[in-house]
C-alpha cells in the first residue's frame, strides 16, 4: 500500500492524537496518589484501555479506513477492611422442613448434647476412654 501520508510521524502514543489520553492518565495518577496518601492506603491500581475502531469509506478511488481511538483510564484504591470467622456445626445436621421449605440446624440424633463441662473431656482426648461421650 503506497499512499502519501499526511504526517511523516509514525503513529505512536507520543503523537498529538493521543494527547487527551496522556492528559487523562496523568490526572488519574495524580489523584490516585493523593487519595492513597490521604487515606493511608498502600495499594492502588490504574487500568487503561484504548479501543480502536476502523470505519471503511468506499470511494471511487478505493477504500479509505478512518480510525477512531476511544480511551478509558480507571483507578482503584485498595482499602481493605476484613473480618472473618468460622461457625463450626460439628454434632449438628442440616434438616429441611418440607412443609415450609426451610432449612434448620439440629443436633444429630443418637449423640449426647455437649455441655460446657464436656470441653475438659475433649482436651484430655479419646485415649482417656470416656464412655459417656461419642468422639
N, C-alpha and C. Protein backbone atom coordinates (compact mmCIF):
# COMPACT_ATOMS: atom_id res chain seq x y z
N UNK A 1 0.85 -1.17 0.00
CA UNK A 1 0.00 0.00 0.00
C UNK A 1 0.90 1.24 0.00
N UNK A 2 1.03 1.88 -1.13
CA UNK A 2 1.91 3.04 -1.22
C UNK A 2 1.10 4.31 -1.42
N UNK A 3 0.66 4.88 -0.28
CA UNK A 3 -0.09 6.13 -0.32
C UNK A 3 0.73 7.20 0.39
N UNK A 4 0.47 8.43 0.02
CA UNK A 4 1.16 9.53 0.68
C UNK A 4 0.56 9.73 2.07
N UNK A 5 1.41 9.92 3.07
CA UNK A 5 0.95 10.12 4.44
C UNK A 5 0.78 11.61 4.70
N UNK A 6 -0.24 11.94 5.49
CA UNK A 6 -0.47 13.34 5.86
C UNK A 6 0.62 13.78 6.82
N UNK A 7 1.03 12.87 7.70
CA UNK A 7 2.05 13.17 8.68
C UNK A 7 3.23 12.26 8.43
N UNK A 8 4.40 12.81 8.56
CA UNK A 8 5.60 12.00 8.41
C UNK A 8 5.92 11.23 9.68
N UNK A 9 5.17 11.51 10.77
CA UNK A 9 5.44 10.87 12.05
C UNK A 9 4.71 9.53 12.12
N UNK A 10 5.43 8.56 12.64
CA UNK A 10 4.84 7.23 12.85
C UNK A 10 3.72 7.34 13.89
N UNK A 11 2.65 6.58 13.71
CA UNK A 11 1.55 6.58 14.67
C UNK A 11 2.00 5.84 15.93
N UNK A 12 2.14 6.60 17.03
CA UNK A 12 2.54 6.02 18.30
C UNK A 12 1.96 6.85 19.43
N UNK A 13 2.10 6.40 20.64
CA UNK A 13 1.47 7.01 21.81
C UNK A 13 1.88 8.47 22.02
N UNK A 14 3.05 8.84 21.58
CA UNK A 14 3.53 10.20 21.75
C UNK A 14 2.88 11.18 20.78
N UNK A 15 2.14 10.70 19.78
CA UNK A 15 1.52 11.58 18.79
C UNK A 15 0.43 12.44 19.40
N UNK A 16 0.16 13.55 18.73
CA UNK A 16 -0.85 14.51 19.17
C UNK A 16 -2.23 13.87 19.30
N UNK A 17 -2.53 12.88 18.51
CA UNK A 17 -3.85 12.25 18.55
C UNK A 17 -4.14 11.63 19.92
N UNK A 18 -3.10 11.31 20.67
CA UNK A 18 -3.25 10.70 21.99
C UNK A 18 -3.02 11.68 23.15
N UNK A 19 -3.03 12.99 22.86
CA UNK A 19 -2.84 13.99 23.92
C UNK A 19 -3.87 13.86 25.03
N UNK A 20 -5.13 13.69 24.69
CA UNK A 20 -6.18 13.59 25.72
C UNK A 20 -5.99 12.34 26.59
N UNK A 21 -5.57 11.26 25.97
CA UNK A 21 -5.29 10.03 26.74
C UNK A 21 -4.18 10.26 27.75
N UNK A 22 -3.08 10.85 27.31
CA UNK A 22 -1.96 11.10 28.20
C UNK A 22 -2.34 12.08 29.32
N UNK A 23 -3.11 13.11 28.98
CA UNK A 23 -3.57 14.07 29.99
C UNK A 23 -4.44 13.37 31.02
N UNK A 24 -5.39 12.56 30.57
CA UNK A 24 -6.26 11.82 31.50
C UNK A 24 -5.46 10.86 32.37
N UNK A 25 -4.48 10.19 31.80
CA UNK A 25 -3.63 9.28 32.56
C UNK A 25 -2.87 10.03 33.64
N UNK A 26 -2.33 11.19 33.31
CA UNK A 26 -1.59 11.99 34.30
C UNK A 26 -2.50 12.45 35.43
N UNK A 27 -3.73 12.85 35.12
CA UNK A 27 -4.69 13.28 36.14
C UNK A 27 -5.02 12.11 37.07
N UNK A 28 -5.28 10.93 36.50
CA UNK A 28 -5.64 9.76 37.31
C UNK A 28 -4.48 9.34 38.20
N UNK A 29 -3.27 9.37 37.69
CA UNK A 29 -2.10 9.02 38.51
C UNK A 29 -1.99 9.98 39.69
N UNK A 30 -2.11 11.26 39.43
CA UNK A 30 -2.00 12.27 40.48
C UNK A 30 -3.10 12.10 41.53
N UNK A 31 -4.34 11.89 41.09
CA UNK A 31 -5.47 11.72 42.02
C UNK A 31 -5.35 10.44 42.84
N UNK A 32 -4.90 9.36 42.20
CA UNK A 32 -4.74 8.11 42.92
C UNK A 32 -3.70 8.26 44.02
N UNK A 33 -2.56 8.85 43.70
CA UNK A 33 -1.51 9.04 44.70
C UNK A 33 -2.00 9.93 45.85
N UNK A 34 -2.70 11.00 45.52
CA UNK A 34 -3.23 11.90 46.55
C UNK A 34 -4.20 11.15 47.46
N UNK A 35 -5.10 10.35 46.88
CA UNK A 35 -6.06 9.59 47.68
C UNK A 35 -5.39 8.50 48.51
N UNK A 36 -4.37 7.86 47.96
CA UNK A 36 -3.65 6.83 48.72
C UNK A 36 -2.99 7.44 49.95
N UNK A 37 -2.38 8.58 49.78
CA UNK A 37 -1.71 9.25 50.90
C UNK A 37 -2.72 9.71 51.94
N UNK A 38 -3.80 10.35 51.49
CA UNK A 38 -4.78 10.89 52.45
C UNK A 38 -5.55 9.80 53.19
N UNK A 39 -5.70 8.64 52.58
CA UNK A 39 -6.46 7.55 53.22
C UNK A 39 -5.58 6.47 53.81
N UNK A 40 -4.29 6.62 53.70
CA UNK A 40 -3.37 5.66 54.30
C UNK A 40 -3.37 4.31 53.62
N UNK A 41 -3.61 4.28 52.33
CA UNK A 41 -3.62 3.02 51.59
C UNK A 41 -2.25 2.76 50.98
N UNK A 42 -1.87 1.51 50.96
CA UNK A 42 -0.59 1.14 50.36
C UNK A 42 -0.75 0.52 48.98
N UNK A 43 -1.99 0.26 48.56
CA UNK A 43 -2.22 -0.41 47.29
C UNK A 43 -3.20 0.38 46.43
N UNK A 44 -2.84 0.59 45.20
CA UNK A 44 -3.72 1.23 44.23
C UNK A 44 -3.48 0.58 42.88
N UNK A 45 -4.41 0.82 41.97
CA UNK A 45 -4.30 0.19 40.67
C UNK A 45 -4.85 1.13 39.61
N UNK A 46 -4.16 1.22 38.50
CA UNK A 46 -4.62 2.01 37.36
C UNK A 46 -4.73 1.08 36.16
N UNK A 47 -5.86 1.16 35.50
CA UNK A 47 -6.03 0.40 34.26
C UNK A 47 -6.36 1.39 33.15
N UNK A 48 -5.79 1.15 31.99
CA UNK A 48 -6.03 2.00 30.84
C UNK A 48 -6.33 1.13 29.64
N UNK A 49 -7.34 1.53 28.90
CA UNK A 49 -7.66 0.82 27.67
C UNK A 49 -7.83 1.83 26.55
N UNK A 50 -7.42 1.41 25.39
CA UNK A 50 -7.67 2.18 24.17
C UNK A 50 -8.36 1.23 23.20
N UNK A 51 -9.57 1.58 22.86
CA UNK A 51 -10.31 0.79 21.88
C UNK A 51 -10.09 1.41 20.51
N UNK A 52 -9.86 0.57 19.53
CA UNK A 52 -9.59 1.03 18.18
C UNK A 52 -10.69 0.50 17.27
N UNK A 53 -11.29 1.41 16.52
CA UNK A 53 -12.30 1.02 15.54
C UNK A 53 -11.88 1.57 14.17
N UNK A 54 -12.12 0.79 13.16
CA UNK A 54 -11.84 1.23 11.80
C UNK A 54 -13.16 1.31 11.03
N UNK A 55 -13.39 2.46 10.45
CA UNK A 55 -14.61 2.68 9.68
C UNK A 55 -14.23 2.84 8.21
N UNK A 56 -14.65 1.88 7.39
CA UNK A 56 -14.30 1.99 5.96
C UNK A 56 -15.18 3.01 5.25
N UNK A 57 -14.58 3.71 4.33
CA UNK A 57 -15.32 4.61 3.44
C UNK A 57 -14.98 4.22 2.02
N UNK A 58 -16.00 3.89 1.28
CA UNK A 58 -15.80 3.42 -0.09
C UNK A 58 -15.93 4.60 -1.04
N UNK A 59 -14.88 4.83 -1.79
CA UNK A 59 -14.85 5.93 -2.75
C UNK A 59 -14.55 5.39 -4.13
N UNK A 60 -14.54 6.29 -5.11
CA UNK A 60 -14.22 5.88 -6.47
C UNK A 60 -12.78 5.40 -6.60
N UNK A 61 -11.92 5.91 -5.75
CA UNK A 61 -10.50 5.56 -5.84
C UNK A 61 -10.13 4.37 -4.97
N UNK A 62 -11.08 3.87 -4.18
CA UNK A 62 -10.78 2.72 -3.33
C UNK A 62 -11.43 2.86 -1.96
N UNK A 63 -10.91 2.11 -1.03
CA UNK A 63 -11.46 2.12 0.33
C UNK A 63 -10.50 2.85 1.25
N UNK A 64 -11.06 3.80 1.98
CA UNK A 64 -10.26 4.52 2.98
C UNK A 64 -10.73 4.06 4.36
N UNK A 65 -9.80 3.80 5.24
CA UNK A 65 -10.13 3.39 6.61
C UNK A 65 -9.92 4.56 7.55
N UNK A 66 -10.99 4.92 8.26
CA UNK A 66 -10.93 6.01 9.22
C UNK A 66 -10.84 5.41 10.63
N UNK A 67 -9.74 5.64 11.31
CA UNK A 67 -9.62 5.08 12.66
C UNK A 67 -10.31 5.97 13.70
N UNK A 68 -10.73 5.32 14.75
CA UNK A 68 -11.25 6.03 15.92
C UNK A 68 -10.64 5.40 17.16
N UNK A 69 -10.06 6.23 18.02
CA UNK A 69 -9.42 5.76 19.24
C UNK A 69 -10.25 6.25 20.43
N UNK A 70 -10.76 5.33 21.22
CA UNK A 70 -11.54 5.65 22.41
C UNK A 70 -10.77 5.15 23.62
N UNK A 71 -10.52 6.04 24.56
CA UNK A 71 -9.73 5.63 25.73
C UNK A 71 -10.55 5.70 27.01
N UNK A 72 -10.09 4.91 27.98
CA UNK A 72 -10.68 4.91 29.31
C UNK A 72 -9.56 4.66 30.30
N UNK A 73 -9.49 5.49 31.34
CA UNK A 73 -8.47 5.35 32.38
C UNK A 73 -9.19 5.27 33.71
N UNK A 74 -8.95 4.20 34.46
CA UNK A 74 -9.61 3.97 35.75
C UNK A 74 -8.57 3.77 36.83
N UNK A 75 -8.95 4.16 38.03
CA UNK A 75 -8.09 3.85 39.18
C UNK A 75 -8.95 3.21 40.25
N UNK A 76 -8.32 2.33 41.02
CA UNK A 76 -8.98 1.66 42.13
C UNK A 76 -8.07 1.82 43.34
N UNK A 77 -8.65 2.33 44.40
CA UNK A 77 -7.92 2.49 45.65
C UNK A 77 -8.22 1.28 46.51
N UNK A 78 -7.19 0.58 46.94
CA UNK A 78 -7.36 -0.63 47.72
C UNK A 78 -7.43 -0.29 49.20
N UNK A 79 -8.64 -0.20 49.73
CA UNK A 79 -8.85 -0.05 51.16
C UNK A 79 -9.44 -1.36 51.64
N UNK A 80 -8.76 -2.01 52.53
CA UNK A 80 -9.20 -3.33 52.95
C UNK A 80 -9.61 -3.30 54.41
N UNK A 81 -10.87 -3.59 54.66
CA UNK A 81 -11.39 -3.86 55.99
C UNK A 81 -11.96 -5.25 55.92
N UNK A 82 -11.45 -6.13 56.73
CA UNK A 82 -11.90 -7.50 56.65
C UNK A 82 -12.01 -8.09 58.03
N UNK A 83 -13.05 -8.85 58.22
CA UNK A 83 -13.22 -9.65 59.41
C UNK A 83 -13.62 -11.03 58.92
N UNK A 84 -13.17 -12.03 59.62
CA UNK A 84 -13.54 -13.38 59.22
C UNK A 84 -13.73 -14.23 60.45
N UNK A 85 -14.39 -15.30 60.25
CA UNK A 85 -14.62 -16.23 61.34
C UNK A 85 -15.18 -17.52 60.78
N UNK A 86 -15.39 -18.46 61.65
CA UNK A 86 -15.93 -19.75 61.25
C UNK A 86 -16.96 -20.17 62.28
N UNK A 87 -18.01 -20.74 61.79
CA UNK A 87 -19.05 -21.25 62.68
C UNK A 87 -19.14 -22.76 62.47
N UNK A 88 -18.34 -23.54 63.21
CA UNK A 88 -18.38 -24.99 63.02
C UNK A 88 -19.70 -25.55 63.52
N UNK A 89 -20.22 -26.46 62.77
CA UNK A 89 -21.51 -27.08 63.12
C UNK A 89 -21.31 -28.56 63.41
N UNK A 90 -20.24 -28.88 64.10
CA UNK A 90 -19.98 -30.26 64.47
C UNK A 90 -21.08 -30.73 65.41
N UNK A 91 -21.50 -31.93 65.27
CA UNK A 91 -22.59 -32.52 66.04
C UNK A 91 -23.93 -31.90 65.68
N UNK A 92 -24.00 -31.17 64.57
CA UNK A 92 -25.25 -30.60 64.09
C UNK A 92 -25.46 -31.08 62.66
N UNK A 93 -26.71 -31.14 62.26
CA UNK A 93 -27.00 -31.51 60.89
C UNK A 93 -28.01 -30.53 60.31
N UNK A 94 -27.94 -30.38 59.00
CA UNK A 94 -28.85 -29.52 58.28
C UNK A 94 -30.09 -30.33 57.93
N UNK A 95 -31.26 -29.81 58.28
CA UNK A 95 -32.51 -30.54 58.07
C UNK A 95 -33.48 -29.63 57.32
N UNK A 96 -34.15 -30.20 56.32
CA UNK A 96 -35.14 -29.46 55.56
C UNK A 96 -36.53 -29.75 56.10
N UNK A 97 -37.26 -28.71 56.46
CA UNK A 97 -38.67 -28.84 56.82
C UNK A 97 -39.44 -28.75 55.51
N UNK A 98 -39.89 -29.90 55.02
CA UNK A 98 -40.53 -29.95 53.72
C UNK A 98 -41.85 -29.17 53.69
N UNK A 99 -42.47 -29.03 54.84
CA UNK A 99 -43.74 -28.31 54.90
C UNK A 99 -43.53 -26.82 54.60
N UNK A 100 -42.47 -26.24 55.16
CA UNK A 100 -42.21 -24.81 54.97
C UNK A 100 -41.08 -24.55 53.98
N UNK A 101 -40.41 -25.60 53.50
CA UNK A 101 -39.28 -25.50 52.59
C UNK A 101 -38.18 -24.61 53.18
N UNK A 102 -37.90 -24.82 54.48
CA UNK A 102 -36.92 -24.04 55.22
C UNK A 102 -35.90 -24.99 55.83
N UNK A 103 -34.64 -24.55 55.83
CA UNK A 103 -33.57 -25.35 56.43
C UNK A 103 -33.34 -24.94 57.87
N UNK A 104 -33.03 -25.93 58.71
CA UNK A 104 -32.75 -25.72 60.13
C UNK A 104 -31.52 -26.52 60.50
N UNK A 105 -30.85 -26.10 61.57
CA UNK A 105 -29.79 -26.89 62.18
C UNK A 105 -30.35 -27.58 63.41
N UNK A 106 -30.05 -28.85 63.54
CA UNK A 106 -30.47 -29.55 64.74
C UNK A 106 -29.37 -30.50 65.17
N UNK A 107 -29.36 -30.84 66.46
CA UNK A 107 -28.36 -31.78 66.97
C UNK A 107 -28.58 -33.14 66.32
N UNK A 108 -27.47 -33.81 66.04
CA UNK A 108 -27.55 -35.14 65.43
C UNK A 108 -28.13 -36.11 66.44
N UNK A 109 -29.13 -36.80 66.01
CA UNK A 109 -29.79 -37.76 66.91
C UNK A 109 -28.85 -38.91 67.22
N UNK A 110 -28.91 -39.40 68.46
CA UNK A 110 -28.07 -40.52 68.87
C UNK A 110 -26.77 -40.09 69.50
N UNK A 111 -26.45 -38.80 69.45
CA UNK A 111 -25.25 -38.29 70.11
C UNK A 111 -25.70 -37.43 71.27
N UNK A 112 -25.04 -37.56 72.42
CA UNK A 112 -25.43 -36.71 73.55
C UNK A 112 -25.07 -35.26 73.27
N UNK A 113 -25.88 -34.35 73.76
CA UNK A 113 -25.61 -32.93 73.58
C UNK A 113 -24.42 -32.55 74.45
N UNK A 114 -23.50 -31.80 73.88
CA UNK A 114 -22.30 -31.40 74.59
C UNK A 114 -22.62 -30.23 75.51
N UNK A 115 -22.08 -30.28 76.72
CA UNK A 115 -22.25 -29.16 77.64
C UNK A 115 -20.91 -28.45 77.80
N UNK A 116 -20.90 -27.37 78.49
CA UNK A 116 -19.66 -26.61 78.70
C UNK A 116 -18.64 -27.42 79.48
N UNK A 117 -19.10 -28.35 80.31
CA UNK A 117 -18.18 -29.18 81.09
C UNK A 117 -17.52 -30.26 80.25
N UNK A 118 -18.09 -30.54 79.06
CA UNK A 118 -17.51 -31.55 78.19
C UNK A 118 -16.22 -31.06 77.53
N UNK A 119 -15.93 -29.76 77.57
CA UNK A 119 -14.71 -29.24 76.96
C UNK A 119 -13.48 -29.84 77.63
N UNK A 120 -13.55 -30.11 78.94
CA UNK A 120 -12.42 -30.75 79.63
C UNK A 120 -12.19 -32.14 79.07
N UNK A 121 -13.25 -32.85 78.75
CA UNK A 121 -13.12 -34.20 78.20
C UNK A 121 -12.46 -34.16 76.83
N UNK A 122 -12.82 -33.18 76.02
CA UNK A 122 -12.24 -33.07 74.68
C UNK A 122 -10.75 -32.78 74.76
N UNK A 123 -10.33 -31.95 75.71
CA UNK A 123 -8.92 -31.61 75.84
C UNK A 123 -8.10 -32.81 76.28
N UNK A 124 -8.72 -33.71 77.07
CA UNK A 124 -7.99 -34.89 77.51
C UNK A 124 -7.78 -35.85 76.35
N UNK A 125 -8.69 -35.86 75.38
CA UNK A 125 -8.54 -36.70 74.20
C UNK A 125 -9.18 -38.06 74.38
N UNK A 126 -9.34 -38.78 73.28
CA UNK A 126 -10.01 -40.08 73.30
C UNK A 126 -9.22 -41.16 74.01
N UNK A 127 -7.92 -40.95 74.21
CA UNK A 127 -7.14 -42.01 74.87
C UNK A 127 -7.54 -42.19 76.33
N UNK A 128 -8.23 -41.20 76.90
CA UNK A 128 -8.70 -41.33 78.28
C UNK A 128 -9.89 -42.28 78.37
N UNK A 129 -10.51 -42.55 77.22
CA UNK A 129 -11.58 -43.54 77.11
C UNK A 129 -12.78 -43.21 77.98
N UNK A 130 -13.36 -42.05 77.76
CA UNK A 130 -14.59 -41.66 78.43
C UNK A 130 -15.76 -42.31 77.69
N UNK A 131 -16.49 -43.15 78.35
CA UNK A 131 -17.56 -43.88 77.70
C UNK A 131 -18.83 -43.06 77.56
N UNK A 132 -18.94 -41.94 78.26
CA UNK A 132 -20.18 -41.18 78.22
C UNK A 132 -20.24 -40.19 77.05
N UNK A 133 -19.18 -40.11 76.22
CA UNK A 133 -19.21 -39.17 75.11
C UNK A 133 -18.70 -39.83 73.87
N UNK A 134 -19.40 -39.66 72.76
CA UNK A 134 -19.03 -40.24 71.47
C UNK A 134 -18.16 -39.24 70.69
N UNK A 135 -16.89 -39.59 70.50
CA UNK A 135 -15.97 -38.71 69.80
C UNK A 135 -16.20 -38.86 68.34
